[in-house]
Amino acid sequence: MTTIQMIIIVCPLVFFAAFIDAIAGGGGLISLPAYLFTGMPTHLAYGSNKFSGCMGSFFSSYRFLKSGVVHLKVAIISAFFALIGSYLGAQLVLILSDYFLKISMTILLPIIAVILLFKKNKQEDVNVVNLLSKRKTIFLSSIIGFLIGAYDGFFGPGTGTFLILGYTTFMGFDYRTACGNARIVNLASNFAALIAYVFAGKVMYVVAIPAAFCSITGYWLGSGLAIKKGSKYIKPLMVCVMMVLFLKIIIDLLG
């Protein structure tokens, strides 16, 4: 496949993935397969995907920060512990099979999706995190960052979605702020991985750079929609992302 053909295939899918990821997470379920579909070697696909994703995620994070819908203290604490969790999760991959995790996810994902879809909460667009004590806020930020970071390092897909779910369910964040926090945490963990790919020479820049511009556009538009509409769009898209992830895991298990 020629470079032009690769760009034609990858760019629109990366734009769509970034748009979805900015709102509800799970964009990697679209963007990474797009790179792999071109026949690009796996490591180059992973590195190129991280490059375009990080570029877009940076601008999305900036837009959330500028709009004031990021709890910076919580996001930074979670990001720090997510890096630790991600490292340990990646190490765990070396000694354990992900089979049992996939089995667990096939049970949990549909249950979480149904609860999320039918959950009625009049306060879902109102932040109540300030009702938590300082100590509990730090503790929960650390735990969410560490556990979901470990999941990201061990398995990966849907990390942003689970961060949003953790922030809204256990800390009382509204969906917009939870989404903004998730963007900061994801940016930190993805940037760390990107550095490793760049130094290893595993980024195909001729494809990744055009895709990065599409990623930036998708993230910018998606984050704008999330900021303006909140749970109206975030919740349904989160359910869709979880169902796609569920199908992916089933296909992987059957394969």
Protein backbone atom coordinates (compact mmCIF):
# COMPACT_ATOMS: atom_id res chain seq x y z
CA MET A 1 0.00 0.00 0.00
CA THR A 2 1.38 3.42 -0.97
CA THR A 3 1.89 6.24 1.51
CA ILE A 4 -0.92 8.26 -0.06
CA GLN A 5 -3.31 5.32 0.32
CA MET A 6 -2.27 4.95 3.96
CA ILE A 7 -2.97 8.63 4.63
CA ILE A 8 -6.36 8.45 2.88
CA ILE A 9 -7.37 5.50 5.07
CA VAL A 10 -5.88 6.64 8.38
CA CYS A 11 -6.71 10.35 8.49
CA PRO A 12 -10.54 10.29 8.48
CA LEU A 13 -10.61 7.39 10.96
CA VAL A 14 -8.16 9.18 13.27
CA PHE A 15 -10.36 12.30 13.11
CA PHE A 16 -13.43 10.26 14.08
CA ALA A 17 -11.50 8.42 16.82
CA ALA A 18 -10.25 11.71 18.29
CA PHE A 19 -13.75 13.21 18.23
CA ILE A 20 -15.16 10.22 20.14
CA ASP A 21 -12.19 10.00 22.50
CA ALA A 22 -12.48 13.66 23.51
CA ILE A 23 -16.09 13.10 24.56
CA ALA A 24 -16.18 9.60 26.03
CA GLY A 25 -12.79 7.91 25.68
CA GLY A 26 -12.16 4.74 23.68
CA GLY A 27 -10.77 6.40 20.55
CA GLY A 28 -7.94 3.87 20.41
CA LEU A 29 -10.51 1.22 19.47
CA ILE A 30 -10.82 3.05 16.14
CA SER A 31 -7.46 4.72 15.50
CA LEU A 32 -5.09 1.81 16.16
CA PRO A 33 -6.95 -0.65 13.88
CA ALA A 34 -6.89 2.08 11.22
CA TYR A 35 -3.09 2.10 11.26
CA LEU A 36 -2.90 -1.69 11.36
CA PHE A 37 -5.34 -1.99 8.43
CA THR A 38 -2.80 -0.26 6.16
CA GLY A 39 -0.39 -3.14 6.65
CA MET A 40 1.98 -1.00 8.71
CA PRO A 41 4.22 -3.11 11.01
CA THR A 42 2.69 -3.44 14.46
CA HIS A 43 5.31 -1.44 16.37
CA LEU A 44 5.18 1.37 13.82
CA ALA A 45 1.39 1.37 14.03
CA TYR A 46 1.49 1.65 17.82
CA GLY A 47 4.11 4.41 17.73
CA SER A 48 2.37 6.38 14.96
CA ASN A 49 -0.96 6.04 16.76
CA LYS A 50 0.59 7.38 19.97
CA PHE A 51 2.11 10.30 18.05
CA SER A 52 -1.12 11.46 16.40
CA GLY A 53 -3.13 10.75 19.55
CA CYS A 54 -0.81 12.72 21.82
CA MET A 55 -0.80 15.73 19.52
CA GLY A 56 -4.60 15.83 19.49
CA SER A 57 -4.91 15.06 23.19
CA PHE A 58 -2.63 18.00 24.02
CA PHE A 59 -4.94 20.48 22.31
CA SER A 60 -8.02 18.83 23.80
CA SER A 61 -6.50 19.10 27.28
CA TYR A 62 -5.71 22.75 26.64
CA ARG A 63 -9.32 23.44 25.63
CA PHE A 64 -10.68 21.78 28.76
CA LEU A 65 -8.19 23.71 30.92
CA LYS A 66 -9.04 26.99 29.23
CA SER A 67 -12.75 26.37 29.80
CA GLY A 68 -12.19 25.78 33.51
CA VAL A 69 -13.66 22.28 33.52
CA VAL A 70 -10.61 20.48 34.89
CA HIS A 71 -9.96 19.89 38.59
CA LEU A 72 -6.20 20.32 38.19
CA LYS A 73 -5.18 18.99 41.60
CA VAL A 74 -7.15 15.76 41.15
CA ALA A 75 -5.95 15.37 37.56
CA ILE A 76 -2.27 15.80 38.50
CA ILE A 77 -2.47 13.36 41.42
CA SER A 78 -4.26 10.81 39.25
CA ALA A 79 -1.76 11.30 36.42
CA PHE A 80 1.17 10.67 38.75
CA PHE A 81 -0.28 7.45 40.12
CA ALA A 82 -1.48 6.40 36.66
CA LEU A 83 2.14 6.45 35.47
CA ILE A 84 3.12 4.16 38.35
CA GLY A 85 0.13 1.88 37.76
CA SER A 86 0.75 1.78 34.02
CA TYR A 87 4.37 0.73 34.54
CA LEU A 88 3.38 -2.05 36.96
CA GLY A 89 0.54 -3.15 34.68
CA ALA A 90 2.96 -3.41 31.76
CA GLN A 91 5.28 -5.50 33.91
CA LEU A 92 2.37 -7.75 34.84
CA VAL A 93 1.78 -8.48 31.16
CA LEU A 94 5.18 -10.16 31.08
CA ILE A 95 4.22 -12.75 33.71
CA LEU A 96 0.44 -13.16 33.36
CA SER A 97 -1.99 -13.90 30.56
CA ASP A 98 -4.69 -11.30 29.91
CA TYR A 99 -7.22 -14.12 29.39
CA PHE A 100 -8.78 -13.82 32.86
CA LEU A 101 -9.01 -10.05 32.59
CA LYS A 102 -10.83 -10.41 29.26
CA ILE A 103 -13.25 -12.92 30.78
CA SER A 104 -13.95 -10.54 33.66
CA MET A 105 -14.52 -7.66 31.26
CA THR A 106 -17.07 -9.63 29.24
CA ILE A 107 -19.10 -9.96 32.45
CA LEU A 108 -18.60 -6.45 33.83
CA LEU A 109 -18.89 -4.28 30.72
CA PRO A 110 -22.55 -5.02 29.86
CA ILE A 111 -23.55 -4.58 33.52
CA ILE A 112 -21.74 -1.22 33.78
CA ALA A 113 -23.23 -0.06 30.47
CA VAL A 114 -26.80 -0.89 31.54
CA ILE A 115 -26.37 0.82 34.94
CA LEU A 116 -24.85 3.91 33.27
CA LEU A 117 -27.56 4.09 30.61
CA PHE A 118 -30.49 3.84 33.00
CA LYS A 119 -28.99 5.70 35.94
CA LYS A 120 -31.03 8.82 36.68
CA ASN A 121 -29.23 11.55 38.55
CA LYS A 122 -30.43 15.14 38.59
CA GLN A 123 -26.98 16.23 39.79
CA GLU A 124 -25.02 14.65 36.93
CA ASP A 125 -24.12 18.07 35.50
CA VAL A 126 -23.27 19.48 38.93
CA ASN A 127 -19.91 19.06 40.68
CA VAL A 128 -20.26 17.75 44.25
CA VAL A 129 -16.60 16.75 44.67
CA ASN A 130 -16.08 19.65 47.10
CA LEU A 131 -18.21 17.76 49.62
CA LEU A 132 -15.33 15.30 50.00
CA SER A 133 -12.64 15.92 52.59
CA LYS A 134 -9.16 16.85 51.39
CA ARG A 135 -7.78 13.50 52.54
CA LYS A 136 -10.51 11.52 50.78
CA THR A 137 -10.07 13.55 47.59
CA ILE A 138 -6.35 12.74 47.49
CA PHE A 139 -6.98 9.09 48.33
CA LEU A 140 -9.64 8.58 45.65
CA SER A 141 -7.61 10.51 43.03
CA SER A 142 -4.64 8.26 43.75
CA ILE A 143 -6.64 5.02 43.67
CA ILE A 144 -8.48 5.88 40.45
CA GLY A 145 -5.24 6.93 38.76
CA PHE A 146 -3.31 3.88 39.94
CA LEU A 147 -5.94 1.21 39.20
CA ILE A 148 -6.96 2.54 35.80
CA GLY A 149 -3.33 3.27 34.98
CA ALA A 150 -2.56 -0.38 35.77
CA TYR A 151 -5.43 -1.41 33.52
CA ASP A 152 -4.01 0.80 30.78
CA GLY A 153 -0.57 -0.76 31.09
CA PHE A 154 -1.95 -4.29 31.27
CA PHE A 155 -4.77 -4.15 28.72
CA GLY A 156 -5.52 -0.60 27.58
CA PRO A 157 -8.67 -0.08 25.47
CA GLY A 158 -11.30 2.20 27.01
CA THR A 159 -9.02 3.76 29.63
CA GLY A 160 -10.50 7.24 29.19
CA THR A 161 -14.01 5.84 29.54
CA PHE A 162 -13.18 4.15 32.83
CA LEU A 163 -11.49 7.29 34.15
CA ILE A 164 -14.67 9.28 33.47
CA LEU A 165 -16.74 6.56 35.12
CA GLY A 166 -14.45 6.53 38.17
CA TYR A 167 -14.54 10.29 38.61
CA THR A 168 -18.32 10.56 38.28
CA THR A 169 -19.21 7.49 40.34
CA PHE A 170 -16.77 7.70 43.24
CA MET A 171 -15.85 11.39 43.47
CA GLY A 172 -19.04 13.16 42.42
CA PHE A 173 -17.63 15.00 39.43
CA ASP A 174 -19.97 16.16 36.71
CA TYR A 175 -19.36 14.55 33.32
CA ARG A 176 -17.66 17.59 31.79
CA THR A 177 -15.06 17.90 34.55
CA ALA A 178 -14.56 14.14 34.67
CA CYS A 179 -13.93 14.21 30.93
CA GLY A 180 -11.42 17.06 31.35
CA ASN A 181 -9.62 15.23 34.16
CA ALA A 182 -9.45 12.08 32.04
CA ARG A 183 -7.85 14.01 29.19
CA ILE A 184 -5.03 15.27 31.45
CA VAL A 185 -4.36 11.80 32.87
CA ASN A 186 -4.45 10.17 29.42
CA LEU A 187 -2.12 12.83 28.02
CA ALA A 188 0.45 12.14 30.75
CA SER A 189 0.44 8.36 30.29
CA ASN A 190 0.39 8.52 26.49
CA PHE A 191 3.20 11.07 26.36
CA ALA A 192 5.40 8.78 28.46
CA ALA A 193 4.75 5.92 26.02
CA LEU A 194 5.31 8.19 23.01
CA ILE A 195 8.81 9.12 24.20
CA ALA A 196 9.76 5.44 24.21
CA TYR A 197 8.41 4.94 20.66
CA VAL A 198 10.15 8.06 19.33
CA PHE A 199 13.55 7.08 20.71
CA ALA A 200 13.07 3.55 19.37
CA GLY A 201 12.37 4.97 15.89
CA LYS A 202 8.90 3.44 15.80
CA VAL A 203 6.94 6.38 14.35
CA MET A 204 6.15 6.64 10.62
CA TYR A 205 6.07 10.42 10.49
CA VAL A 206 5.00 10.65 6.86
CA VAL A 207 1.63 9.18 7.91
CA ALA A 208 1.56 10.19 11.57
CA ILE A 209 2.01 13.94 10.96
CA PRO A 210 -1.00 14.34 8.61
CA ALA A 211 -2.98 12.12 10.99
CA ALA A 212 -1.93 14.35 13.89
CA PHE A 213 -3.62 17.36 12.24
CA CYS A 214 -6.80 15.30 11.86
CA SER A 215 -6.47 14.20 15.47
CA ILE A 216 -6.09 17.80 16.66
CA THR A 217 -9.22 18.81 14.74
CA GLY A 218 -11.25 15.86 16.04
CA TYR A 219 -10.17 16.39 19.64
CA TRP A 220 -10.84 20.13 19.44
CA LEU A 221 -14.37 19.67 18.10
CA GLY A 222 -15.14 16.75 20.42
CA SER A 223 -13.93 18.54 23.53
CA GLY A 224 -16.00 21.59 22.55
CA LEU A 225 -19.12 19.44 22.31
CA ALA A 226 -18.38 17.76 25.65
CA ILE A 227 -17.87 21.13 27.36
CA LYS A 228 -21.11 22.57 25.96
CA LYS A 229 -23.43 19.56 26.21
CA GLY A 230 -22.09 17.59 29.19
CA SER A 231 -23.86 14.34 30.05
CA LYS A 232 -26.35 14.68 27.18
CA TYR A 233 -23.73 13.32 24.79
CA ILE A 234 -21.06 11.90 27.09
CA LYS A 235 -23.19 9.18 28.72
CA PRO A 236 -24.62 7.65 25.51
CA LEU A 237 -21.20 7.67 23.84
CA MET A 238 -19.64 6.02 26.88
CA VAL A 239 -22.19 3.22 26.61
CA CYS A 240 -21.39 2.82 22.89
CA VAL A 241 -17.65 2.71 23.62
CA MET A 242 -18.17 0.02 26.25
CA MET A 243 -20.26 -2.07 23.88
CA VAL A 244 -17.61 -1.81 21.15
CA LEU A 245 -14.96 -2.80 23.68
CA PHE A 246 -17.15 -5.72 24.76
CA LEU A 247 -17.44 -6.93 21.14
CA LYS A 248 -13.70 -6.54 20.62
CA ILE A 249 -12.93 -8.67 23.69
CA ILE A 250 -15.41 -11.35 22.56
CA ILE A 251 -13.79 -11.43 19.09
CA ASP A 252 -10.31 -11.65 20.68
CA LEU A 253 -11.42 -14.54 22.91
CA LEU A 254 -13.03 -16.42 20.04
CA GLY A 255 -9.99 -15.75 17.87
